[in-house]
Protein backbone atom coordinates (compact mmCIF):
# COMPACT_ATOMS: atom_id res chain seq x y z
CA MET A 1 -18.99 -10.37 5.52
CA SER A 2 -20.23 -11.28 8.87
CA THR A 3 -18.08 -12.41 11.66
CA GLU A 4 -19.16 -16.20 11.19
CA GLU A 5 -18.83 -16.03 7.62
CA VAL A 6 -15.27 -14.99 7.63
CA ARG A 7 -14.99 -17.41 10.70
CA SER A 8 -15.87 -19.95 7.97
CA VAL A 9 -13.84 -18.95 5.14
CA LEU A 10 -10.80 -18.86 7.30
CA LYS A 11 -11.23 -22.21 8.81
CA ASN A 12 -11.20 -23.38 4.90
CA VAL A 13 -8.28 -22.23 3.53
CA ARG A 14 -6.25 -25.58 3.39
CA LEU A 15 -2.55 -24.22 3.24
CA LEU A 16 -1.16 -22.05 6.25
CA ARG A 17 0.54 -19.84 4.26
CA TYR A 18 -2.57 -18.17 2.79
CA ARG A 19 -4.67 -18.60 5.62
CA SER A 20 -2.19 -17.05 8.00
CA CYS A 21 -2.23 -14.31 5.66
CA LEU A 22 -6.09 -13.81 5.24
CA GLN A 23 -6.25 -13.95 9.05
CA THR A 24 -3.69 -11.34 9.27
CA ILE A 25 -5.27 -9.13 6.98
CA TYR A 26 -8.56 -9.70 8.60
CA SER A 27 -7.48 -9.15 12.09
CA CYS A 28 -5.34 -5.98 11.29
CA GLY A 29 -7.52 -4.56 8.96
CA LEU A 30 -4.79 -4.24 6.35
CA ARG A 31 -5.11 -3.77 2.63
CA LEU A 32 -4.20 -6.86 0.44
CA GLN A 33 -0.36 -5.40 -0.55
CA GLU A 34 -0.04 -4.46 3.51
CA GLY A 35 -0.59 -8.17 4.42
CA THR A 36 1.49 -9.61 1.83
CA ASN A 37 4.49 -7.48 2.42
CA LEU A 38 4.53 -7.73 5.68
CA GLN A 39 8.05 -8.56 7.34
CA VAL A 40 9.55 -10.29 10.20
CA ALA A 41 10.80 -6.64 11.96
CA ASP A 42 7.24 -5.45 11.54
CA ILE A 43 6.09 -7.71 14.33
CA ASP A 44 6.30 -6.21 17.83
CA SER A 45 5.12 -8.65 20.45
CA ALA A 46 6.00 -6.98 23.06
CA ARG A 47 3.54 -4.47 22.83
CA MET A 48 1.16 -6.56 20.32
CA LEU A 49 1.35 -4.19 17.32
CA LEU A 50 2.11 -4.50 13.89
CA HIS A 51 4.29 -2.00 12.13
CA ILE A 52 2.09 -0.92 8.51
CA ARG A 53 5.28 0.37 6.53
CA GLY A 54 4.24 2.40 3.78
CA GLY A 55 0.38 2.39 3.34
CA LYS A 56 -1.54 4.04 1.32
CA GLY A 57 -0.42 7.69 0.73
CA ASN A 58 3.24 6.08 1.99
CA LYS A 59 2.60 6.40 5.60
CA ASP A 60 3.40 4.18 8.02
CA ARG A 61 1.00 2.95 11.15
CA TYR A 62 0.97 0.61 14.12
CA VAL A 63 -2.42 -1.58 14.27
CA PRO A 64 -3.13 -3.75 17.27
CA LEU A 65 -1.86 -7.60 16.84
CA PRO A 66 -4.37 -9.65 18.32
CA GLN A 67 -3.06 -12.79 20.36
CA ALA A 68 -4.28 -15.65 17.75
CA THR A 69 -2.92 -13.19 14.65
CA LEU A 70 0.52 -13.61 16.49
CA ASP A 71 0.13 -17.44 17.19
CA ILE A 72 -0.64 -17.93 13.55
CA LEU A 73 2.46 -15.86 12.01
CA ARG A 74 4.88 -17.43 14.20
CA GLU A 75 3.69 -20.98 13.35
CA GLN A 76 3.93 -19.79 9.37
CA TRP A 77 7.21 -18.17 10.56
CA LYS A 78 8.39 -21.22 11.22
CA THR A 79 7.90 -23.36 7.91
CA HIS A 80 10.23 -21.94 5.74
CA ARG A 81 12.25 -19.27 8.52
CA ASN A 82 12.94 -16.36 5.94
CA PRO A 83 14.85 -13.97 7.83
CA VAL A 84 12.79 -10.91 6.07
CA TRP A 85 9.61 -11.98 4.76
CA ILE A 86 6.82 -13.25 6.99
CA PHE A 87 4.91 -14.35 3.62
CA PRO A 88 7.95 -15.25 1.20
CA ALA A 89 7.16 -16.25 -2.17
CA PRO A 90 7.02 -20.07 -2.64
CA GLY A 91 9.15 -20.40 -5.67
CA ARG A 92 9.02 -23.59 -7.32
CA GLY A 93 7.73 -26.58 -5.42
CA ASP A 94 8.07 -24.22 -2.48
CA ASN A 95 11.20 -25.16 -2.04
CA ASN A 96 12.81 -21.60 -2.07
CA MET A 97 11.03 -19.75 0.92
CA GLN A 98 13.47 -19.35 3.23
CA THR A 99 15.84 -17.77 0.86
CA ALA A 100 12.83 -15.64 -0.84
CA ASN A 101 13.81 -12.32 -1.72
CA GLU A 102 10.22 -11.02 -2.06
CA PRO A 103 6.64 -11.59 -0.67
CA MET A 104 4.54 -13.96 -2.24
CA PRO A 105 2.46 -12.60 -5.33
CA LYS A 106 -1.54 -10.81 -4.17
CA SER A 107 -2.94 -12.58 -7.10
CA SER A 108 -2.15 -15.96 -5.13
CA VAL A 109 -3.76 -14.78 -2.19
CA GLN A 110 -6.73 -12.85 -4.46
CA ASN A 111 -7.22 -16.56 -6.03
CA VAL A 112 -7.23 -18.32 -2.55
CA LEU A 113 -10.32 -16.66 -1.36
CA ARG A 114 -12.41 -16.55 -4.23
CA ASP A 115 -11.86 -20.51 -4.51
CA VAL A 116 -12.89 -20.61 -0.55
CA LEU A 117 -15.64 -18.68 -1.60
CA LYS A 118 -17.02 -20.60 -3.75
CA SER A 119 -16.12 -23.85 -2.03
CA SER A 120 -17.82 -22.80 1.50
CA GLY A 121 -21.30 -21.62 -0.19
CA ILE A 122 -20.71 -18.08 1.06
CA ASN A 123 -22.29 -16.09 -2.12
CA LYS A 124 -21.52 -12.90 -2.13
CA ARG A 125 -19.55 -10.99 -4.25
CA ALA A 126 -15.91 -10.53 -2.10
CA SER A 127 -12.39 -9.76 -2.31
CA VAL A 128 -9.52 -9.66 -0.16
CA HIS A 129 -10.47 -5.88 0.45
CA THR A 130 -13.76 -6.86 1.72
CA LEU A 131 -12.08 -8.71 5.03
CA ARG A 132 -10.64 -5.05 5.88
CA HIS A 133 -14.24 -3.50 4.92
CA SER A 134 -15.71 -6.14 7.57
CA TYR A 135 -12.76 -5.84 10.21
CA ALA A 136 -14.09 -2.24 10.29
CA THR A 137 -17.80 -2.76 10.63
CA HIS A 138 -16.76 -5.68 13.04
CA LEU A 139 -15.11 -3.03 15.16
CA LEU A 140 -17.82 -0.46 15.08
CA GLU A 141 -20.53 -3.13 15.98
CA ALA A 142 -18.16 -3.89 19.20
CA GLY A 143 -18.31 -0.13 20.06
CA VAL A 144 -14.91 0.48 19.00
CA ASN A 145 -14.54 4.45 18.33
CA LEU A 146 -14.71 5.50 14.72
CA ARG A 147 -11.73 7.85 15.22
CA LEU A 148 -9.46 4.83 16.32
CA ILE A 149 -11.43 2.80 13.43
CA GLN A 150 -10.03 5.34 10.99
CA GLU A 151 -6.63 5.58 12.88
CA TYR A 152 -6.26 1.79 12.39
CA LEU A 153 -7.31 1.67 8.93
CA GLY A 154 -4.90 4.48 7.69
CA HIS A 155 -7.56 6.85 6.66
CA ASN A 156 -6.56 10.63 6.56
CA SER A 157 -10.22 11.59 6.81
CA LEU A 158 -13.35 10.34 9.31
CA GLN A 159 -15.44 10.22 6.25
CA THR A 160 -13.52 7.74 4.39
CA THR A 161 -13.82 5.26 7.07
CA ALA A 162 -17.49 6.39 7.98
CA ILE A 163 -17.70 4.86 4.44
CA TYR A 164 -15.92 1.71 5.30
CA ALA A 165 -17.94 1.24 8.32
CA HIS A 166 -21.57 1.21 7.33
CA LEU A 167 -23.92 0.96 9.90
CA THR A 168 -25.44 -2.48 9.96
CA GLN A 169 -28.99 -4.05 11.56
CA ARG A 170 -27.05 -4.92 14.48
CA ALA A 171 -25.15 -1.33 15.04
CA HIS A 172 -28.78 -0.08 14.98
CA ASN A 173 -30.16 -2.91 17.32
CA THR A 174 -27.42 -2.06 19.38
CA ALA A 175 -27.86 2.14 19.93
CA SER A 176 -31.90 0.81 20.07
CA GLU A 177 -30.68 -1.07 23.59
CA HIS A 178 -28.47 1.84 24.76
CA ILE A 179 -31.05 3.93 23.92
CA ASN A 180 -33.70 2.65 26.13
CA ASN A 181 -31.39 1.79 28.65
CA LEU A 182 -30.51 5.61 29.16
CA MET A 183 -34.06 6.07 28.79
CA ASN A 184 -35.02 3.72 31.42
CA ASN A 185 -32.66 4.80 33.98
CA LEU A 186 -34.13 8.49 33.88
């Protein structure tokens, strides 16, 4: 998805818990389970990092935490004040979030995204994992080093990251601009 499509999707998510979860997944390049399983202790606001525990292959990693994402995570936490989970299971009537002992279900996040895609008129096959692909692509288009993107995504192989961060027309245009600038300065 383009950055405009991601913005449109996030803007159209009605409930804060889902909007903040999807924004965190996108802005930190997380897998669905990594997003829903975030714990209060995983937020390092002093260093602006998010600790991802037990990612794929049971590996831990740190990813940059954008200020806007930290702000929405704080706003989300204030709605329930669960001592462990950022996104606790809501329970019946959304009344048990403060004492929930498990994260919200992954399927509910998937369903919300599917519904928002339909209602926002974005006619692309997309899933929560598409947000992760979009993150990698948008970072690459912005000039972030592919090796750093690999680290943020938690990939063992740079080849895996290169698949996620497929080249787009925007990336080709940016490369052409840089090549032209280099050649003009000879």
